[in-house]
């Protein structure tokens, strides 16, 4: 690593972002896992919040936008099937 002030600052910022993105990703994965293991009515109530979490991950660049769309699609199918 270069000994420039800006490079050191960039390294600090990158580490902060990495930790934050890791937290957001793990929190969302846990929420998805809980949604999949839940019951019908409970799933319907939780789905909008989790879809929003997935959208935020894609917006922040933590996951790709197509992965976000695929996740939401699969979850929506599961929720709709459980709601019937």
PDB file of N, CA and C in Angstrom:
ATOM      1  N   UNK A   1       0.849  -1.186   0.000  1.00  0.00           N
ATOM      2  CA  UNK A   1       0.000   0.000   0.000  1.00  0.00           C
ATOM      3  C   UNK A   1       0.886   1.238   0.000  1.00  0.00           C
ATOM      4  N   UNK A   2       0.506   2.209  -0.789  1.00  0.00           N
ATOM      5  CA  UNK A   2       1.270   3.449  -0.861  1.00  0.00           C
ATOM      6  C   UNK A   2       1.110   4.237   0.432  1.00  0.00           C
ATOM      7  N   UNK A   3       2.060   5.084   0.691  1.00  0.00           N
ATOM      8  CA  UNK A   3       2.031   5.871   1.926  1.00  0.00           C
ATOM      9  C   UNK A   3       1.432   7.259   1.701  1.00  0.00           C
ATOM     10  N   UNK A   4       0.458   7.336   0.859  1.00  0.00           N
ATOM     11  CA  UNK A   4      -0.216   8.614   0.633  1.00  0.00           C
ATOM     12  C   UNK A   4      -1.408   8.723   1.573  1.00  0.00           C
ATOM     13  N   UNK A   5      -1.694   9.938   2.001  1.00  0.00           N
ATOM     14  CA  UNK A   5      -2.829  10.154   2.905  1.00  0.00           C
ATOM     15  C   UNK A   5      -4.129   9.661   2.286  1.00  0.00           C
ATOM     16  N   UNK A   6      -4.324   9.986   1.005  1.00  0.00           N
ATOM     17  CA  UNK A   6      -5.574   9.630   0.329  1.00  0.00           C
ATOM     18  C   UNK A   6      -5.719   8.111   0.218  1.00  0.00           C
ATOM     19  N   UNK A   7      -4.624   7.413  -0.013  1.00  0.00           N
ATOM     20  CA  UNK A   7      -4.675   5.952  -0.134  1.00  0.00           C
ATOM     21  C   UNK A   7      -5.021   5.316   1.198  1.00  0.00           C
ATOM     22  N   UNK A   8      -4.447   5.849   2.262  1.00  0.00           N
ATOM     23  CA  UNK A   8      -4.757   5.321   3.597  1.00  0.00           C
ATOM     24  C   UNK A   8      -6.231   5.557   3.946  1.00  0.00           C
ATOM     25  N   UNK A   9      -6.706   6.749   3.599  1.00  0.00           N
ATOM     26  CA  UNK A   9      -8.115   7.062   3.858  1.00  0.00           C
ATOM     27  C   UNK A   9      -9.017   6.137   3.055  1.00  0.00           C
ATOM     28  N   UNK A  10      -8.665   5.895   1.788  1.00  0.00           N
ATOM     29  CA  UNK A  10      -9.459   5.011   0.946  1.00  0.00           C
ATOM     30  C   UNK A  10      -9.507   3.598   1.520  1.00  0.00           C
ATOM     31  N   UNK A  11      -8.399   3.138   2.074  1.00  0.00           N
ATOM     32  CA  UNK A  11      -8.359   1.802   2.689  1.00  0.00           C
ATOM     33  C   UNK A  11      -9.281   1.743   3.901  1.00  0.00           C
ATOM     34  N   UNK A  12      -9.274   2.807   4.701  1.00  0.00           N
ATOM     35  CA  UNK A  12     -10.178   2.850   5.872  1.00  0.00           C
ATOM     36  C   UNK A  12     -11.638   2.838   5.430  1.00  0.00           C
ATOM     37  N   UNK A  13     -11.955   3.643   4.414  1.00  0.00           N
ATOM     38  CA  UNK A  13     -13.331   3.716   3.930  1.00  0.00           C
ATOM     39  C   UNK A  13     -13.781   2.378   3.347  1.00  0.00           C
ATOM     40  N   UNK A  14     -12.885   1.728   2.610  1.00  0.00           N
ATOM     41  CA  UNK A  14     -13.221   0.440   2.006  1.00  0.00           C
ATOM     42  C   UNK A  14     -13.530  -0.595   3.081  1.00  0.00           C
ATOM     43  N   UNK A  15     -12.742  -0.611   4.128  1.00  0.00           N
ATOM     44  CA  UNK A  15     -12.973  -1.569   5.217  1.00  0.00           C
ATOM     45  C   UNK A  15     -14.313  -1.299   5.912  1.00  0.00           C
ATOM     46  N   UNK A  16     -14.609  -0.024   6.138  1.00  0.00           N
ATOM     47  CA  UNK A  16     -15.885   0.338   6.768  1.00  0.00           C
ATOM     48  C   UNK A  16     -17.056  -0.114   5.900  1.00  0.00           C
ATOM     49  N   UNK A  17     -16.947   0.129   4.591  1.00  0.00           N
ATOM     50  CA  UNK A  17     -18.013  -0.271   3.670  1.00  0.00           C
ATOM     51  C   UNK A  17     -18.156  -1.785   3.614  1.00  0.00           C
ATOM     52  N   UNK A  18     -17.015  -2.500   3.623  1.00  0.00           N
ATOM     53  CA  UNK A  18     -17.044  -3.961   3.562  1.00  0.00           C
ATOM     54  C   UNK A  18     -17.778  -4.539   4.761  1.00  0.00           C
ATOM     55  N   UNK A  19     -17.484  -4.017   5.945  1.00  0.00           N
ATOM     56  CA  UNK A  19     -18.133  -4.504   7.163  1.00  0.00           C
ATOM     57  C   UNK A  19     -19.624  -4.185   7.135  1.00  0.00           C
ATOM     58  N   UNK A  20     -19.969  -2.980   6.682  1.00  0.00           N
ATOM     59  CA  UNK A  20     -21.365  -2.579   6.623  1.00  0.00           C
ATOM     60  C   UNK A  20     -22.140  -3.433   5.621  1.00  0.00           C
ATOM     61  N   UNK A  21     -21.555  -3.658   4.447  1.00  0.00           N
ATOM     62  CA  UNK A  21     -22.211  -4.472   3.424  1.00  0.00           C
ATOM     63  C   UNK A  21     -22.379  -5.909   3.894  1.00  0.00           C
ATOM     64  N   UNK A  22     -21.390  -6.423   4.605  1.00  0.00           N
ATOM     65  CA  UNK A  22     -21.464  -7.776   5.152  1.00  0.00           C
ATOM     66  C   UNK A  22     -22.632  -7.885   6.126  1.00  0.00           C
ATOM     67  N   UNK A  23     -22.792  -6.865   6.967  1.00  0.00           N
ATOM     68  CA  UNK A  23     -23.895  -6.848   7.927  1.00  0.00           C
ATOM     69  C   UNK A  23     -25.242  -6.820   7.210  1.00  0.00           C
ATOM     70  N   UNK A  24     -25.393  -5.927   6.242  1.00  0.00           N
ATOM     71  CA  UNK A  24     -26.661  -5.835   5.511  1.00  0.00           C
ATOM     72  C   UNK A  24     -26.986  -7.148   4.804  1.00  0.00           C
ATOM     73  N   UNK A  25     -25.983  -7.745   4.178  1.00  0.00           N
ATOM     74  CA  UNK A  25     -26.191  -9.000   3.464  1.00  0.00           C
ATOM     75  C   UNK A  25     -26.600 -10.127   4.392  1.00  0.00           C
ATOM     76  N   UNK A  26     -25.918 -10.246   5.510  1.00  0.00           N
ATOM     77  CA  UNK A  26     -26.216 -11.324   6.462  1.00  0.00           C
ATOM     78  C   UNK A  26     -27.606 -11.132   7.073  1.00  0.00           C
ATOM     79  N   UNK A  27     -27.953  -9.902   7.416  1.00  0.00           N
ATOM     80  CA  UNK A  27     -29.268  -9.616   7.987  1.00  0.00           C
ATOM     81  C   UNK A  27     -30.376  -9.993   7.006  1.00  0.00           C
ATOM     82  N   UNK A  28     -30.174  -9.665   5.743  1.00  0.00           N
ATOM     83  CA  UNK A  28     -31.169  -9.989   4.720  1.00  0.00           C
ATOM     84  C   UNK A  28     -31.275 -11.495   4.523  1.00  0.00           C
ATOM     85  N   UNK A  29     -30.131 -12.186   4.482  1.00  0.00           N
ATOM     86  CA  UNK A  29     -30.162 -13.647   4.328  1.00  0.00           C
ATOM     87  C   UNK A  29     -30.906 -14.305   5.484  1.00  0.00           C
ATOM     88  N   UNK A  30     -30.696 -13.812   6.691  1.00  0.00           N
ATOM     89  CA  UNK A  30     -31.410 -14.361   7.844  1.00  0.00           C
ATOM     90  C   UNK A  30     -32.914 -14.106   7.735  1.00  0.00           C
ATOM     91  N   UNK A  31     -33.286 -12.926   7.261  1.00  0.00           N
ATOM     92  CA  UNK A  31     -34.702 -12.603   7.106  1.00  0.00           C
ATOM     93  C   UNK A  31     -35.346 -13.504   6.045  1.00  0.00           C
ATOM     94  N   UNK A  32     -34.618 -13.768   4.971  1.00  0.00           N
ATOM     95  CA  UNK A  32     -35.124 -14.648   3.914  1.00  0.00           C
ATOM     96  C   UNK A  32     -35.311 -16.059   4.460  1.00  0.00           C
ATOM     97  N   UNK A  33     -34.339 -16.516   5.231  1.00  0.00           N
ATOM     98  CA  UNK A  33     -34.433 -17.853   5.828  1.00  0.00           C
ATOM     99  C   UNK A  33     -35.662 -17.950   6.746  1.00  0.00           C
ATOM    100  N   UNK A  34     -35.891 -16.918   7.545  1.00  0.00           N
ATOM    101  CA  UNK A  34     -37.052 -16.913   8.433  1.00  0.00           C
ATOM    102  C   UNK A  34     -38.354 -16.896   7.640  1.00  0.00           C
ATOM    103  N   UNK A  35     -38.371 -16.154   6.531  1.00  0.00           N
ATOM    104  CA  UNK A  35     -39.570 -16.101   5.696  1.00  0.00           C
ATOM    105  C   UNK A  35     -39.883 -17.477   5.115  1.00  0.00           C
ATOM    106  N   UNK A  36     -38.854 -18.159   4.624  1.00  0.00           N
ATOM    107  CA  UNK A  36     -39.065 -19.477   4.025  1.00  0.00           C
ATOM    108  C   UNK A  36     -39.566 -20.502   5.039  1.00  0.00           C
ATOM    109  N   UNK A  37     -39.165 -20.360   6.293  1.00  0.00           N
ATOM    110  CA  UNK A  37     -39.565 -21.340   7.304  1.00  0.00           C
ATOM    111  C   UNK A  37     -40.885 -20.976   7.982  1.00  0.00           C
ATOM    112  N   UNK A  38     -41.442 -19.819   7.673  1.00  0.00           N
ATOM    113  CA  UNK A  38     -42.671 -19.364   8.323  1.00  0.00           C
ATOM    114  C   UNK A  38     -43.919 -20.000   7.746  1.00  0.00           C
ATOM    115  N   UNK A  39     -45.043 -19.638   8.332  1.00  0.00           N
ATOM    116  CA  UNK A  39     -46.347 -20.115   7.882  1.00  0.00           C
ATOM    117  C   UNK A  39     -46.968 -19.120   6.915  1.00  0.00           C
ATOM    118  N   UNK A  40     -48.094 -19.493   6.298  1.00  0.00           N
ATOM    119  CA  UNK A  40     -48.727 -18.722   5.234  1.00  0.00           C
ATOM    120  C   UNK A  40     -48.987 -17.266   5.527  1.00  0.00           C
ATOM    121  N   UNK A  41     -49.791 -16.995   6.551  1.00  0.00           N
ATOM    122  CA  UNK A  41     -50.155 -15.608   6.844  1.00  0.00           C
ATOM    123  C   UNK A  41     -48.942 -14.797   7.302  1.00  0.00           C
ATOM    124  N   UNK A  42     -48.090 -15.432   8.057  1.00  0.00           N
ATOM    125  CA  UNK A  42     -46.870 -14.785   8.537  1.00  0.00           C
ATOM    126  C   UNK A  42     -45.960 -14.398   7.360  1.00  0.00           C
ATOM    127  N   UNK A  43     -45.879 -15.282   6.363  1.00  0.00           N
ATOM    128  CA  UNK A  43     -45.061 -15.013   5.184  1.00  0.00           C
ATOM    129  C   UNK A  43     -45.599 -13.815   4.408  1.00  0.00           C
ATOM    130  N   UNK A  44     -46.915 -13.766   4.265  1.00  0.00           N
ATOM    131  CA  UNK A  44     -47.535 -12.665   3.513  1.00  0.00           C
ATOM    132  C   UNK A  44     -47.224 -11.328   4.181  1.00  0.00           C
ATOM    133  N   UNK A  45     -47.235 -11.299   5.505  1.00  0.00           N
ATOM    134  CA  UNK A  45     -46.969 -10.056   6.229  1.00  0.00           C
ATOM    135  C   UNK A  45     -45.511  -9.631   6.127  1.00  0.00           C
ATOM    136  N   UNK A  46     -44.593 -10.591   6.134  1.00  0.00           N
ATOM    137  CA  UNK A  46     -43.164 -10.278   6.125  1.00  0.00           C
ATOM    138  C   UNK A  46     -42.627  -9.963   4.735  1.00  0.00           C
ATOM    139  N   UNK A  47     -43.274 -10.457   3.698  1.00  0.00           N
ATOM    140  CA  UNK A  47     -42.718 -10.357   2.349  1.00  0.00           C
ATOM    141  C   UNK A  47     -42.402  -8.932   1.895  1.00  0.00           C
ATOM    142  N   UNK A  48     -43.295  -7.941   2.071  1.00  0.00           N
ATOM    143  CA  UNK A  48     -42.956  -6.595   1.578  1.00  0.00           C
ATOM    144  C   UNK A  48     -41.688  -6.016   2.215  1.00  0.00           C
ATOM    145  N   UNK A  49     -41.494  -6.250   3.500  1.00  0.00           N
ATOM    146  CA  UNK A  49     -40.302  -5.725   4.175  1.00  0.00           C
ATOM    147  C   UNK A  49     -39.036  -6.396   3.650  1.00  0.00           C
ATOM    148  N   UNK A  50     -39.114  -7.693   3.412  1.00  0.00           N
ATOM    149  CA  UNK A  50     -37.942  -8.417   2.936  1.00  0.00           C
ATOM    150  C   UNK A  50     -37.642  -8.054   1.477  1.00  0.00           C
ATOM    151  N   UNK A  51     -38.671  -7.866   0.678  1.00  0.00           N
ATOM    152  CA  UNK A  51     -38.464  -7.430  -0.705  1.00  0.00           C
ATOM    153  C   UNK A  51     -37.780  -6.064  -0.719  1.00  0.00           C
ATOM    154  N   UNK A  52     -38.154  -5.209   0.207  1.00  0.00           N
ATOM    155  CA  UNK A  52     -37.520  -3.901   0.315  1.00  0.00           C
ATOM    156  C   UNK A  52     -36.052  -4.036   0.701  1.00  0.00           C
ATOM    157  N   UNK A  53     -35.749  -4.946   1.626  1.00  0.00           N
ATOM    158  CA  UNK A  53     -34.359  -5.182   2.022  1.00  0.00           C
ATOM    159  C   UNK A  53     -33.528  -5.647   0.824  1.00  0.00           C
ATOM    160  N   UNK A  54     -34.097  -6.534   0.024  1.00  0.00           N
ATOM    161  CA  UNK A  54     -33.395  -7.050  -1.150  1.00  0.00           C
ATOM    162  C   UNK A  54     -33.141  -5.924  -2.151  1.00  0.00           C
ATOM    163  N   UNK A  55     -34.150  -5.064  -2.355  1.00  0.00           N
ATOM    164  CA  UNK A  55     -33.984  -3.930  -3.272  1.00  0.00           C
ATOM    165  C   UNK A  55     -32.863  -3.001  -2.802  1.00  0.00           C
ATOM    166  N   UNK A  56     -32.786  -2.776  -1.504  1.00  0.00           N
ATOM    167  CA  UNK A  56     -31.743  -1.898  -0.970  1.00  0.00           C
ATOM    168  C   UNK A  56     -30.357  -2.493  -1.183  1.00  0.00           C
ATOM    169  N   UNK A  57     -30.241  -3.821  -1.047  1.00  0.00           N
ATOM    170  CA  UNK A  57     -28.949  -4.468  -1.297  1.00  0.00           C
ATOM    171  C   UNK A  57     -28.521  -4.254  -2.750  1.00  0.00           C
ATOM    172  N   UNK A  58     -29.472  -4.384  -3.662  1.00  0.00           N
ATOM    173  CA  UNK A  58     -29.159  -4.194  -5.077  1.00  0.00           C
ATOM    174  C   UNK A  58     -28.796  -2.735  -5.352  1.00  0.00           C
ATOM    175  N   UNK A  59     -29.506  -1.822  -4.724  1.00  0.00           N
ATOM    176  CA  UNK A  59     -29.237  -0.402  -4.930  1.00  0.00           C
ATOM    177  C   UNK A  59     -27.845  -0.028  -4.427  1.00  0.00           C
ATOM    178  N   UNK A  60     -27.443  -0.622  -3.317  1.00  0.00           N
ATOM    179  CA  UNK A  60     -26.126  -0.334  -2.739  1.00  0.00           C
ATOM    180  C   UNK A  60     -24.999  -1.071  -3.455  1.00  0.00           C
ATOM    181  N   UNK A  61     -25.354  -2.019  -4.318  1.00  0.00           N
ATOM    182  CA  UNK A  61     -24.334  -2.755  -5.046  1.00  0.00           C
ATOM    183  C   UNK A  61     -23.802  -3.957  -4.305  1.00  0.00           C
ATOM    184  N   UNK A  62     -24.462  -4.365  -3.235  1.00  0.00           N
ATOM    185  CA  UNK A  62     -24.018  -5.537  -2.483  1.00  0.00           C
ATOM    186  C   UNK A  62     -24.311  -6.798  -3.283  1.00  0.00           C
ATOM    187  N   UNK A  63     -25.482  -6.829  -3.940  1.00  0.00           N
ATOM    188  CA  UNK A  63     -25.811  -7.927  -4.838  1.00  0.00           C
ATOM    189  C   UNK A  63     -26.213  -7.331  -6.190  1.00  0.00           C
ATOM    190  N   UNK A  64     -26.166  -8.144  -7.215  1.00  0.00           N
ATOM    191  CA  UNK A  64     -26.517  -7.692  -8.560  1.00  0.00           C
ATOM    192  C   UNK A  64     -28.029  -7.520  -8.657  1.00  0.00           C
ATOM    193  N   UNK A  65     -28.474  -6.600  -9.512  1.00  0.00           N
ATOM    194  CA  UNK A  65     -29.909  -6.321  -9.619  1.00  0.00           C
ATOM    195  C   UNK A  65     -30.682  -7.531 -10.139  1.00  0.00           C
ATOM    196  N   UNK A  66     -30.055  -8.339 -11.002  1.00  0.00           N
ATOM    197  CA  UNK A  66     -30.749  -9.536 -11.489  1.00  0.00           C
ATOM    198  C   UNK A  66     -30.892 -10.589 -10.397  1.00  0.00           C
ATOM    199  N   UNK A  67     -29.897 -10.694  -9.534  1.00  0.00           N
ATOM    200  CA  UNK A  67     -29.991 -11.621  -8.405  1.00  0.00           C
ATOM    201  C   UNK A  67     -31.123 -11.183  -7.473  1.00  0.00           C
ATOM    202  N   UNK A  68     -31.240  -9.879  -7.269  1.00  0.00           N
ATOM    203  CA  UNK A  68     -32.310  -9.355  -6.429  1.00  0.00           C
ATOM    204  C   UNK A  68     -33.667  -9.700  -7.038  1.00  0.00           C
ATOM    205  N   UNK A  69     -33.800  -9.528  -8.347  1.00  0.00           N
ATOM    206  CA  UNK A  69     -35.058  -9.831  -9.022  1.00  0.00           C
ATOM    207  C   UNK A  69     -35.382 -11.322  -8.907  1.00  0.00           C
ATOM    208  N   UNK A  70     -34.364 -12.178  -9.082  1.00  0.00           N
ATOM    209  CA  UNK A  70     -34.586 -13.618  -8.973  1.00  0.00           C
ATOM    210  C   UNK A  70     -34.992 -14.017  -7.564  1.00  0.00           C
ATOM    211  N   UNK A  71     -34.336 -13.444  -6.567  1.00  0.00           N
ATOM    212  CA  UNK A  71     -34.686 -13.741  -5.169  1.00  0.00           C
ATOM    213  C   UNK A  71     -36.132 -13.358  -4.870  1.00  0.00           C
ATOM    214  N   UNK A  72     -36.501 -12.135  -5.281  1.00  0.00           N
ATOM    215  CA  UNK A  72     -37.859 -11.667  -5.011  1.00  0.00           C
ATOM    216  C   UNK A  72     -38.895 -12.521  -5.735  1.00  0.00           C
ATOM    217  N   UNK A  73     -38.577 -12.937  -6.956  1.00  0.00           N
ATOM    218  CA  UNK A  73     -39.498 -13.757  -7.725  1.00  0.00           C
ATOM    219  C   UNK A  73     -39.729 -15.105  -7.044  1.00  0.00           C
ATOM    220  N   UNK A  74     -38.642 -15.746  -6.623  1.00  0.00           N
ATOM    221  CA  UNK A  74     -38.759 -17.049  -5.962  1.00  0.00           C
ATOM    222  C   UNK A  74     -39.524 -16.932  -4.645  1.00  0.00           C
ATOM    223  N   UNK A  75     -39.231 -15.871  -3.898  1.00  0.00           N
ATOM    224  CA  UNK A  75     -39.933 -15.683  -2.624  1.00  0.00           C
ATOM    225  C   UNK A  75     -41.416 -15.406  -2.857  1.00  0.00           C
ATOM    226  N   UNK A  76     -41.728 -14.615  -3.882  1.00  0.00           N
ATOM    227  CA  UNK A  76     -43.128 -14.297  -4.180  1.00  0.00           C
ATOM    228  C   UNK A  76     -43.894 -15.560  -4.546  1.00  0.00           C
ATOM    229  N   UNK A  77     -43.270 -16.443  -5.328  1.00  0.00           N
ATOM    230  CA  UNK A  77     -43.920 -17.706  -5.673  1.00  0.00           C
ATOM    231  C   UNK A  77     -44.214 -18.519  -4.423  1.00  0.00           C
ATOM    232  N   UNK A  78     -43.244 -18.595  -3.523  1.00  0.00           N
ATOM    233  CA  UNK A  78     -43.401 -19.374  -2.296  1.00  0.00           C
ATOM    234  C   UNK A  78     -44.495 -18.770  -1.411  1.00  0.00           C
ATOM    235  N   UNK A  79     -44.501 -17.456  -1.286  1.00  0.00           N
ATOM    236  CA  UNK A  79     -45.508 -16.782  -0.456  1.00  0.00           C
ATOM    237  C   UNK A  79     -46.897 -16.960  -1.039  1.00  0.00           C
ATOM    238  N   UNK A  80     -47.028 -16.811  -2.356  1.00  0.00           N
ATOM    239  CA  UNK A  80     -48.333 -16.951  -2.999  1.00  0.00           C
ATOM    240  C   UNK A  80     -48.860 -18.382  -2.875  1.00  0.00           C
ATOM    241  N   UNK A  81     -47.968 -19.362  -2.987  1.00  0.00           N
ATOM    242  CA  UNK A  81     -48.381 -20.758  -2.850  1.00  0.00           C
ATOM    243  C   UNK A  81     -48.816 -21.047  -1.419  1.00  0.00           C
ATOM    244  N   UNK A  82     -48.129 -20.461  -0.455  1.00  0.00           N
ATOM    245  CA  UNK A  82     -48.457 -20.701   0.956  1.00  0.00           C
ATOM    246  C   UNK A  82     -49.733 -19.973   1.362  1.00  0.00           C
ATOM    247  N   UNK A  83     -50.044 -18.879   0.677  1.00  0.00           N
ATOM    248  CA  UNK A  83     -51.215 -18.080   1.030  1.00  0.00           C
ATOM    249  C   UNK A  83     -52.520 -18.768   0.602  1.00  0.00           C
ATOM    250  N   UNK A  84     -52.440 -19.691  -0.361  1.00  0.00           N
ATOM    251  CA  UNK A  84     -53.637 -20.351  -0.892  1.00  0.00           C
ATOM    252  C   UNK A  84     -54.152 -21.403   0.042  1.00  0.00           C
TER     253      UNK A  84
END
